[in-house]
Amino acid sequence: MAASVNHVREFYATDALQSFTIDDEYFPGFNFSTDAQIEDFVQSSFNTIWHSTSTCSMGLINDTDTVVDAQARVLGVSGIPIVDAAAFPLLPPRHPISTVSFAEKIASDIIGA
């Protein structure tokens, strides 16, 4: 990670980008200058801004990656429907909430909820 931070710093220090530079580095800031400091900062401040999906994906029964069938049933388990972003086989191209809401409507018709 330190190499990546240093590479970006070098990139922004080029003459070609000087006119785009507004202020001093904000994140992580120049107080973090050694590789060890940068690594510690990145590890302590890392988090995801992505919406996790597809952790128990819906698919065809003969697909080894399938956890949930088309009726929202967990394969090999009875009585536990999965109707949320975890069952998406692919990540939606936008925030997943509208897709989750639509999937819930369809699933409620399928499972009779």
N, C-alpha and C. Protein backbone atom coordinates (compact mmCIF):
# COMPACT_ATOMS: atom_id res chain seq x y z
N MET A 1 0.81 -1.19 0.00
CA MET A 1 0.00 0.00 0.00
C MET A 1 0.86 1.26 0.00
N ALA A 2 1.95 1.21 0.71
CA ALA A 2 2.81 2.39 0.76
C ALA A 2 3.32 2.73 -0.63
N ALA A 3 3.66 1.72 -1.40
CA ALA A 3 4.14 1.96 -2.77
C ALA A 3 3.06 2.65 -3.60
N SER A 4 1.82 2.25 -3.42
CA SER A 4 0.71 2.87 -4.16
C SER A 4 0.53 4.33 -3.76
N VAL A 5 0.56 4.60 -2.46
CA VAL A 5 0.42 5.97 -1.99
C VAL A 5 1.56 6.82 -2.53
N ASN A 6 2.77 6.31 -2.46
CA ASN A 6 3.92 7.06 -2.97
C ASN A 6 3.84 7.28 -4.47
N HIS A 7 3.32 6.29 -5.20
CA HIS A 7 3.17 6.43 -6.65
C HIS A 7 2.16 7.54 -6.98
N VAL A 8 1.06 7.57 -6.26
CA VAL A 8 0.06 8.62 -6.48
C VAL A 8 0.64 9.99 -6.13
N ARG A 9 1.40 10.06 -5.06
CA ARG A 9 2.05 11.32 -4.70
C ARG A 9 2.99 11.80 -5.81
N GLU A 10 3.78 10.88 -6.35
CA GLU A 10 4.68 11.24 -7.45
C GLU A 10 3.89 11.69 -8.68
N PHE A 11 2.80 11.01 -8.96
CA PHE A 11 1.96 11.34 -10.11
C PHE A 11 1.41 12.76 -9.98
N TYR A 12 0.89 13.11 -8.80
CA TYR A 12 0.33 14.44 -8.60
C TYR A 12 1.40 15.52 -8.49
N ALA A 13 2.63 15.14 -8.28
CA ALA A 13 3.72 16.11 -8.20
C ALA A 13 4.28 16.48 -9.57
N THR A 14 3.82 15.82 -10.63
CA THR A 14 4.33 16.11 -11.97
C THR A 14 3.88 17.50 -12.42
N ASP A 15 4.65 18.08 -13.33
CA ASP A 15 4.29 19.40 -13.87
C ASP A 15 2.91 19.39 -14.52
N ALA A 16 2.58 18.29 -15.19
CA ALA A 16 1.30 18.21 -15.90
C ALA A 16 0.10 18.35 -14.98
N LEU A 17 0.24 17.96 -13.72
CA LEU A 17 -0.90 18.02 -12.81
C LEU A 17 -0.86 19.18 -11.83
N GLN A 18 0.16 20.01 -11.90
CA GLN A 18 0.26 21.11 -10.94
C GLN A 18 -0.93 22.06 -11.02
N SER A 19 -1.46 22.30 -12.21
CA SER A 19 -2.60 23.22 -12.33
C SER A 19 -3.88 22.63 -11.75
N PHE A 20 -3.91 21.32 -11.53
CA PHE A 20 -5.09 20.67 -10.96
C PHE A 20 -5.01 20.53 -9.44
N THR A 21 -3.85 20.81 -8.89
CA THR A 21 -3.67 20.67 -7.45
C THR A 21 -4.23 21.89 -6.75
N ILE A 22 -5.16 21.67 -5.84
CA ILE A 22 -5.83 22.77 -5.15
C ILE A 22 -5.17 23.08 -3.82
N ASP A 23 -4.79 22.04 -3.09
CA ASP A 23 -4.29 22.23 -1.74
C ASP A 23 -3.32 21.11 -1.42
N ASP A 24 -2.79 21.13 -0.21
CA ASP A 24 -1.91 20.06 0.22
C ASP A 24 -2.68 18.74 0.32
N GLU A 25 -1.93 17.67 0.31
CA GLU A 25 -2.53 16.35 0.43
C GLU A 25 -3.35 16.26 1.71
N TYR A 26 -4.56 15.76 1.56
CA TYR A 26 -5.47 15.65 2.70
C TYR A 26 -5.44 14.26 3.34
N PHE A 27 -5.36 13.24 2.52
CA PHE A 27 -5.50 11.87 3.01
C PHE A 27 -4.43 11.00 2.39
N PRO A 28 -3.48 10.43 3.06
CA PRO A 28 -3.33 10.43 4.50
C PRO A 28 -2.63 11.67 5.05
N GLY A 29 -2.11 12.51 4.19
CA GLY A 29 -1.42 13.72 4.64
C GLY A 29 0.07 13.48 4.74
N PHE A 30 0.82 14.56 4.65
CA PHE A 30 2.27 14.44 4.62
C PHE A 30 2.89 14.10 5.97
N ASN A 31 2.10 14.07 7.04
CA ASN A 31 2.62 13.61 8.32
C ASN A 31 2.97 12.13 8.27
N PHE A 32 2.43 11.45 7.28
CA PHE A 32 2.71 10.03 7.08
C PHE A 32 3.70 9.92 5.93
N SER A 33 4.97 9.82 6.26
CA SER A 33 5.98 9.87 5.21
C SER A 33 6.76 8.57 5.03
N THR A 34 6.93 7.80 6.08
CA THR A 34 7.67 6.55 5.93
C THR A 34 6.71 5.45 5.48
N ASP A 35 7.26 4.42 4.87
CA ASP A 35 6.42 3.30 4.44
C ASP A 35 5.67 2.68 5.61
N ALA A 36 6.33 2.55 6.75
CA ALA A 36 5.69 1.97 7.93
C ALA A 36 4.52 2.84 8.41
N GLN A 37 4.69 4.15 8.40
CA GLN A 37 3.61 5.05 8.82
C GLN A 37 2.42 4.96 7.87
N ILE A 38 2.73 4.91 6.58
CA ILE A 38 1.66 4.82 5.57
C ILE A 38 0.92 3.50 5.72
N GLU A 39 1.66 2.40 5.86
CA GLU A 39 1.03 1.08 6.03
C GLU A 39 0.13 1.06 7.27
N ASP A 40 0.62 1.59 8.38
CA ASP A 40 -0.17 1.63 9.61
C ASP A 40 -1.44 2.46 9.41
N PHE A 41 -1.29 3.60 8.74
CA PHE A 41 -2.45 4.46 8.50
C PHE A 41 -3.49 3.76 7.64
N VAL A 42 -3.05 3.15 6.55
CA VAL A 42 -3.98 2.48 5.65
C VAL A 42 -4.69 1.34 6.37
N GLN A 43 -3.95 0.53 7.11
CA GLN A 43 -4.56 -0.60 7.81
C GLN A 43 -5.54 -0.14 8.89
N SER A 44 -5.26 0.96 9.55
CA SER A 44 -6.14 1.41 10.63
C SER A 44 -7.35 2.20 10.11
N SER A 45 -7.30 2.68 8.88
CA SER A 45 -8.41 3.48 8.38
C SER A 45 -9.18 2.80 7.25
N PHE A 46 -8.80 1.58 6.92
CA PHE A 46 -9.43 0.89 5.80
C PHE A 46 -10.86 0.47 6.14
N ASN A 47 -11.75 0.72 5.22
CA ASN A 47 -13.11 0.17 5.29
C ASN A 47 -13.67 0.17 3.87
N THR A 48 -14.78 -0.46 3.71
CA THR A 48 -15.37 -0.53 2.39
C THR A 48 -16.53 0.45 2.28
N ILE A 49 -16.67 1.03 1.11
CA ILE A 49 -17.83 1.87 0.85
C ILE A 49 -18.77 1.17 -0.12
N TRP A 50 -18.45 -0.06 -0.42
CA TRP A 50 -19.26 -0.83 -1.36
C TRP A 50 -20.35 -1.57 -0.62
N HIS A 51 -21.38 -1.91 -1.32
CA HIS A 51 -22.50 -2.65 -0.76
C HIS A 51 -22.29 -4.12 -1.07
N SER A 52 -22.03 -4.89 -0.05
CA SER A 52 -21.76 -6.31 -0.25
C SER A 52 -23.00 -7.02 -0.77
N THR A 53 -22.80 -7.84 -1.77
CA THR A 53 -23.87 -8.64 -2.34
C THR A 53 -23.29 -9.97 -2.77
N SER A 54 -24.18 -10.86 -3.18
CA SER A 54 -23.80 -12.10 -3.87
C SER A 54 -23.01 -13.08 -3.01
N THR A 55 -23.20 -13.06 -1.70
CA THR A 55 -22.46 -13.98 -0.83
C THR A 55 -23.10 -15.35 -0.74
N CYS A 56 -24.37 -15.47 -1.09
CA CYS A 56 -25.02 -16.79 -1.18
C CYS A 56 -25.92 -16.76 -2.42
N SER A 57 -25.29 -16.76 -3.56
CA SER A 57 -25.96 -16.40 -4.78
C SER A 57 -27.00 -17.40 -5.27
N MET A 58 -28.04 -16.82 -5.89
CA MET A 58 -29.11 -17.58 -6.50
C MET A 58 -28.65 -18.03 -7.88
N GLY A 59 -29.01 -19.24 -8.23
CA GLY A 59 -28.62 -19.73 -9.55
C GLY A 59 -29.24 -21.07 -9.86
N LEU A 60 -28.66 -21.73 -10.85
CA LEU A 60 -29.13 -23.05 -11.26
C LEU A 60 -28.70 -24.09 -10.24
N ILE A 61 -29.54 -25.07 -10.01
CA ILE A 61 -29.28 -26.08 -8.99
C ILE A 61 -28.00 -26.87 -9.28
N ASN A 62 -27.68 -27.08 -10.55
CA ASN A 62 -26.48 -27.86 -10.88
C ASN A 62 -25.20 -27.02 -10.88
N ASP A 63 -25.29 -25.74 -10.59
CA ASP A 63 -24.11 -24.86 -10.50
C ASP A 63 -23.54 -24.97 -9.09
N THR A 64 -22.25 -25.28 -8.98
CA THR A 64 -21.63 -25.47 -7.66
C THR A 64 -21.58 -24.18 -6.83
N ASP A 65 -21.73 -23.02 -7.47
CA ASP A 65 -21.72 -21.75 -6.74
C ASP A 65 -23.10 -21.35 -6.22
N THR A 66 -24.13 -22.09 -6.61
CA THR A 66 -25.49 -21.75 -6.21
C THR A 66 -25.76 -22.14 -4.76
N VAL A 67 -26.34 -21.21 -4.01
CA VAL A 67 -26.74 -21.46 -2.63
C VAL A 67 -28.26 -21.37 -2.50
N VAL A 68 -28.87 -20.53 -3.33
CA VAL A 68 -30.30 -20.27 -3.28
C VAL A 68 -30.91 -20.59 -4.64
N ASP A 69 -32.06 -21.29 -4.64
CA ASP A 69 -32.71 -21.59 -5.92
C ASP A 69 -33.65 -20.45 -6.34
N ALA A 70 -34.32 -20.60 -7.47
CA ALA A 70 -35.17 -19.55 -8.02
C ALA A 70 -36.41 -19.28 -7.18
N GLN A 71 -36.71 -20.13 -6.22
CA GLN A 71 -37.83 -19.90 -5.31
C GLN A 71 -37.34 -19.35 -3.96
N ALA A 72 -36.13 -18.86 -3.91
CA ALA A 72 -35.52 -18.24 -2.73
C ALA A 72 -35.24 -19.24 -1.62
N ARG A 73 -35.17 -20.53 -1.95
CA ARG A 73 -34.91 -21.56 -0.94
C ARG A 73 -33.41 -21.84 -0.87
N VAL A 74 -32.89 -21.94 0.34
CA VAL A 74 -31.49 -22.32 0.53
C VAL A 74 -31.38 -23.81 0.24
N LEU A 75 -30.47 -24.17 -0.65
CA LEU A 75 -30.32 -25.57 -1.03
C LEU A 75 -29.87 -26.40 0.17
N GLY A 76 -30.55 -27.51 0.42
CA GLY A 76 -30.19 -28.40 1.51
C GLY A 76 -30.74 -28.00 2.86
N VAL A 77 -31.49 -26.91 2.92
CA VAL A 77 -32.07 -26.43 4.18
C VAL A 77 -33.53 -26.11 3.91
N SER A 78 -34.40 -26.47 4.82
CA SER A 78 -35.82 -26.15 4.59
C SER A 78 -36.28 -25.03 5.50
N GLY A 79 -37.21 -24.23 4.98
CA GLY A 79 -37.83 -23.19 5.79
C GLY A 79 -37.07 -21.90 5.94
N ILE A 80 -36.00 -21.70 5.18
CA ILE A 80 -35.23 -20.46 5.30
C ILE A 80 -35.09 -19.82 3.92
N PRO A 81 -36.01 -18.95 3.54
CA PRO A 81 -35.84 -18.25 2.27
C PRO A 81 -34.82 -17.12 2.42
N ILE A 82 -34.08 -16.88 1.37
CA ILE A 82 -33.12 -15.77 1.35
C ILE A 82 -33.61 -14.76 0.32
N VAL A 83 -33.99 -13.59 0.80
CA VAL A 83 -34.49 -12.55 -0.09
C VAL A 83 -33.79 -11.25 0.28
N ASP A 84 -32.58 -11.11 -0.15
CA ASP A 84 -31.84 -9.87 0.04
C ASP A 84 -30.69 -9.84 -0.95
N ALA A 85 -29.83 -8.86 -0.82
CA ALA A 85 -28.73 -8.68 -1.77
C ALA A 85 -27.75 -9.83 -1.77
N ALA A 86 -27.73 -10.62 -0.71
CA ALA A 86 -26.82 -11.77 -0.65
C ALA A 86 -27.13 -12.77 -1.76
N ALA A 87 -28.39 -12.86 -2.18
CA ALA A 87 -28.79 -13.85 -3.18
C ALA A 87 -28.56 -13.37 -4.62
N PHE A 88 -28.16 -12.14 -4.81
CA PHE A 88 -27.93 -11.65 -6.17
C PHE A 88 -26.77 -12.43 -6.79
N PRO A 89 -26.96 -12.99 -7.98
CA PRO A 89 -25.84 -13.68 -8.62
C PRO A 89 -24.79 -12.70 -9.15
N LEU A 90 -25.20 -11.47 -9.42
CA LEU A 90 -24.30 -10.43 -9.92
C LEU A 90 -24.56 -9.13 -9.17
N LEU A 91 -23.56 -8.30 -9.07
CA LEU A 91 -23.69 -7.01 -8.42
C LEU A 91 -24.52 -6.07 -9.29
N PRO A 92 -25.57 -5.46 -8.74
CA PRO A 92 -26.35 -4.50 -9.54
C PRO A 92 -25.47 -3.31 -9.93
N PRO A 93 -25.77 -2.65 -11.06
CA PRO A 93 -24.93 -1.54 -11.51
C PRO A 93 -25.09 -0.27 -10.69
N ARG A 94 -26.04 -0.23 -9.79
CA ARG A 94 -26.27 0.94 -8.95
C ARG A 94 -26.44 0.49 -7.50
N HIS A 95 -26.81 1.42 -6.65
CA HIS A 95 -27.10 1.08 -5.26
C HIS A 95 -28.11 -0.07 -5.26
N PRO A 96 -27.90 -1.11 -4.47
CA PRO A 96 -28.74 -2.31 -4.57
C PRO A 96 -30.15 -2.20 -3.96
N ILE A 97 -30.49 -1.11 -3.28
CA ILE A 97 -31.76 -1.09 -2.55
C ILE A 97 -32.97 -1.24 -3.45
N SER A 98 -32.97 -0.64 -4.64
CA SER A 98 -34.14 -0.79 -5.51
C SER A 98 -34.26 -2.23 -6.01
N THR A 99 -33.13 -2.87 -6.28
CA THR A 99 -33.15 -4.26 -6.71
C THR A 99 -33.61 -5.16 -5.57
N VAL A 100 -33.17 -4.87 -4.35
CA VAL A 100 -33.62 -5.64 -3.19
C VAL A 100 -35.14 -5.50 -3.03
N SER A 101 -35.65 -4.29 -3.13
CA SER A 101 -37.09 -4.07 -2.98
C SER A 101 -37.88 -4.83 -4.04
N PHE A 102 -37.39 -4.81 -5.26
CA PHE A 102 -38.06 -5.53 -6.34
C PHE A 102 -37.99 -7.04 -6.10
N ALA A 103 -36.84 -7.53 -5.69
CA ALA A 103 -36.68 -8.96 -5.41
C ALA A 103 -37.60 -9.39 -4.27
N GLU A 104 -37.75 -8.55 -3.26
CA GLU A 104 -38.64 -8.88 -2.15
C GLU A 104 -40.08 -9.00 -2.62
N LYS A 105 -40.50 -8.13 -3.52
CA LYS A 105 -41.86 -8.19 -4.05
C LYS A 105 -42.07 -9.49 -4.81
N ILE A 106 -41.14 -9.83 -5.67
CA ILE A 106 -41.25 -11.08 -6.44
C ILE A 106 -41.24 -12.28 -5.50
N ALA A 107 -40.31 -12.28 -4.55
CA ALA A 107 -40.20 -13.41 -3.63
C ALA A 107 -41.45 -13.56 -2.76
N SER A 108 -42.06 -12.46 -2.38
CA SER A 108 -43.27 -12.57 -1.56
C SER A 108 -44.38 -13.25 -2.35
N ASP A 109 -44.42 -13.01 -3.66
CA ASP A 109 -45.39 -13.71 -4.51
C ASP A 109 -45.05 -15.20 -4.61
N ILE A 110 -43.76 -15.51 -4.71
CA ILE A 110 -43.32 -16.90 -4.86
C ILE A 110 -43.54 -17.70 -3.59
N ILE A 111 -43.13 -17.15 -2.45
CA ILE A 111 -43.20 -17.92 -1.20
C ILE A 111 -44.50 -17.69 -0.44
N GLY A 112 -45.33 -16.78 -0.95
CA GLY A 112 -46.63 -16.56 -0.34
C GLY A 112 -46.59 -15.80 0.96
N ALA A 113 -45.64 -14.91 1.08
CA ALA A 113 -45.52 -14.13 2.33
C ALA A 113 -46.43 -12.94 2.32
